[in-house]
Structure formats: structure tokens, C-alpha cells
Amino acid sequence: METKNLTPEQLRNQQKLKENRDKLKERKNRTHKLIVRGAIAEAAIPGAIDMTDEEFQRALFDAIGRCGDAVPCSPQESRGSDPR
């Protein structure tokens, strides 16, 4: 589409459509990354498929040796807003 014959409103709409396409692409990329990383973590933890989310979280944190103030070990601590 030629842009020099467009009204300012049409130009704004085109820009908004481009921004929406870019946001959608970013969301899809993030979703894909999360799925891939989740599959990697699931493959690394024996029995992960049959675990609850809480059991999986505990097993993952145990596997990487990261239980402390920065990383919650109990599922209840991981829900809610970020305390930072």
C-alpha cells in the first residue's frame, strides 16, 4: 500500500497494526521458549510427567540446588507479587 496518499488516521491505524503484529510475534516467541525450556526441565527430572506442579517445582529446585531467599522452595512462596 502506498503511504503518501493515506490520511493521518490511516497512518496511525497502520502503525497500530504493525505494533500489534510485533507484540503477537514477541508473545509467540516467548511462549515457544517457555515450552522448550519446560520440556528440557521435564526431561531432566525423573518422573516429572506424573508430578503435581508443586512436586515438580520442589524437584527442580532440589535438582539445581537453589533453595534460599532469592528462590522460593515452597509453592506457596512462589505465588503472588514479587517482593522486590
Protein backbone atom coordinates (compact mmCIF):
# COMPACT_ATOMS: atom_id res chain seq x y z
CA MET A 1 0.00 0.00 0.00
CA GLU A 2 1.32 3.42 -0.91
CA THR A 3 1.75 5.64 2.15
CA LYS A 4 1.81 9.12 0.63
CA ASN A 5 -1.91 9.08 -0.21
CA LEU A 6 -3.01 8.00 3.25
CA THR A 7 -4.75 10.18 5.79
CA PRO A 8 -3.14 10.73 9.20
CA GLU A 9 -5.76 8.42 10.71
CA GLN A 10 -4.90 5.67 8.23
CA LEU A 11 -1.20 6.09 9.02
CA ARG A 12 -1.92 5.81 12.77
CA ASN A 13 -4.00 2.69 12.14
CA GLN A 14 -1.21 1.14 10.07
CA GLN A 15 1.28 1.88 12.84
CA LYS A 16 -1.04 0.37 15.45
CA LEU A 17 -1.49 -2.76 13.32
CA LYS A 18 2.29 -3.09 12.99
CA GLU A 19 2.73 -2.72 16.77
CA ASN A 20 0.06 -5.37 17.36
CA ARG A 21 1.78 -7.76 14.93
CA ASP A 22 5.12 -7.17 16.67
CA LYS A 23 3.58 -7.81 20.13
CA LEU A 24 1.95 -11.00 18.89
CA LYS A 25 5.25 -12.20 17.44
CA GLU A 26 7.04 -11.48 20.74
CA ARG A 27 4.35 -13.35 22.70
CA LYS A 28 4.57 -16.36 20.38
CA ASN A 29 8.36 -16.39 20.66
CA ARG A 30 8.19 -16.25 24.46
CA THR A 31 5.55 -18.99 24.57
CA HIS A 32 7.72 -21.20 22.37
CA LYS A 33 10.77 -20.55 24.55
CA LEU A 34 8.82 -21.43 27.71
CA ILE A 35 7.53 -24.65 26.18
CA VAL A 36 11.00 -25.70 25.04
CA ARG A 37 12.59 -24.88 28.38
CA GLY A 38 9.80 -26.65 30.25
CA ALA A 39 10.35 -29.75 28.14
CA ILE A 40 14.07 -29.63 28.89
CA ALA A 41 13.43 -29.33 32.63
CA GLU A 42 10.83 -32.10 32.49
CA ALA A 43 13.28 -34.40 30.69
CA ALA A 44 15.94 -33.72 33.34
CA ILE A 45 13.72 -34.70 36.29
CA PRO A 46 12.80 -38.38 36.57
CA GLY A 47 9.05 -38.90 36.96
CA ALA A 48 8.23 -35.27 36.19
CA ILE A 49 5.28 -36.14 33.98
CA ASP A 50 3.39 -37.68 36.90
CA MET A 51 4.23 -34.90 39.41
CA THR A 52 1.98 -32.08 40.52
CA ASP A 53 3.21 -28.55 39.82
CA GLU A 54 4.30 -28.24 43.44
CA GLU A 55 6.21 -31.54 43.37
CA PHE A 56 7.84 -30.56 40.10
CA GLN A 57 8.86 -27.17 41.47
CA ARG A 58 10.43 -28.77 44.54
CA ALA A 59 12.25 -31.40 42.43
CA LEU A 60 13.51 -28.73 40.03
CA PHE A 61 14.82 -26.51 42.81
CA ASP A 62 16.40 -29.54 44.51
CA ALA A 63 18.00 -30.60 41.21
CA ILE A 64 19.62 -27.23 40.65
CA GLY A 65 20.44 -26.73 44.32
CA ARG A 66 18.69 -23.37 44.55
CA CYS A 67 16.64 -23.05 47.69
CA GLY A 68 17.14 -19.81 49.50
CA ASP A 69 15.83 -16.30 49.89
CA ALA A 70 16.04 -15.45 46.19
CA VAL A 71 14.29 -18.62 45.02
CA PRO A 72 11.25 -19.88 46.92
CA CYS A 73 11.33 -23.58 47.77
CA SER A 74 7.69 -23.96 48.70
CA PRO A 75 4.99 -23.47 46.07
CA GLN A 76 3.08 -21.08 48.34
CA GLU A 77 6.04 -18.68 48.41
CA SER A 78 6.19 -18.55 44.61
CA ARG A 79 2.65 -17.29 44.16
CA GLY A 80 1.68 -13.65 44.38
CA SER A 81 3.55 -10.47 43.71
CA ASP A 82 7.29 -10.07 43.55
CA PRO A 83 8.51 -8.79 46.93
CA ARG A 84 11.30 -6.72 45.35
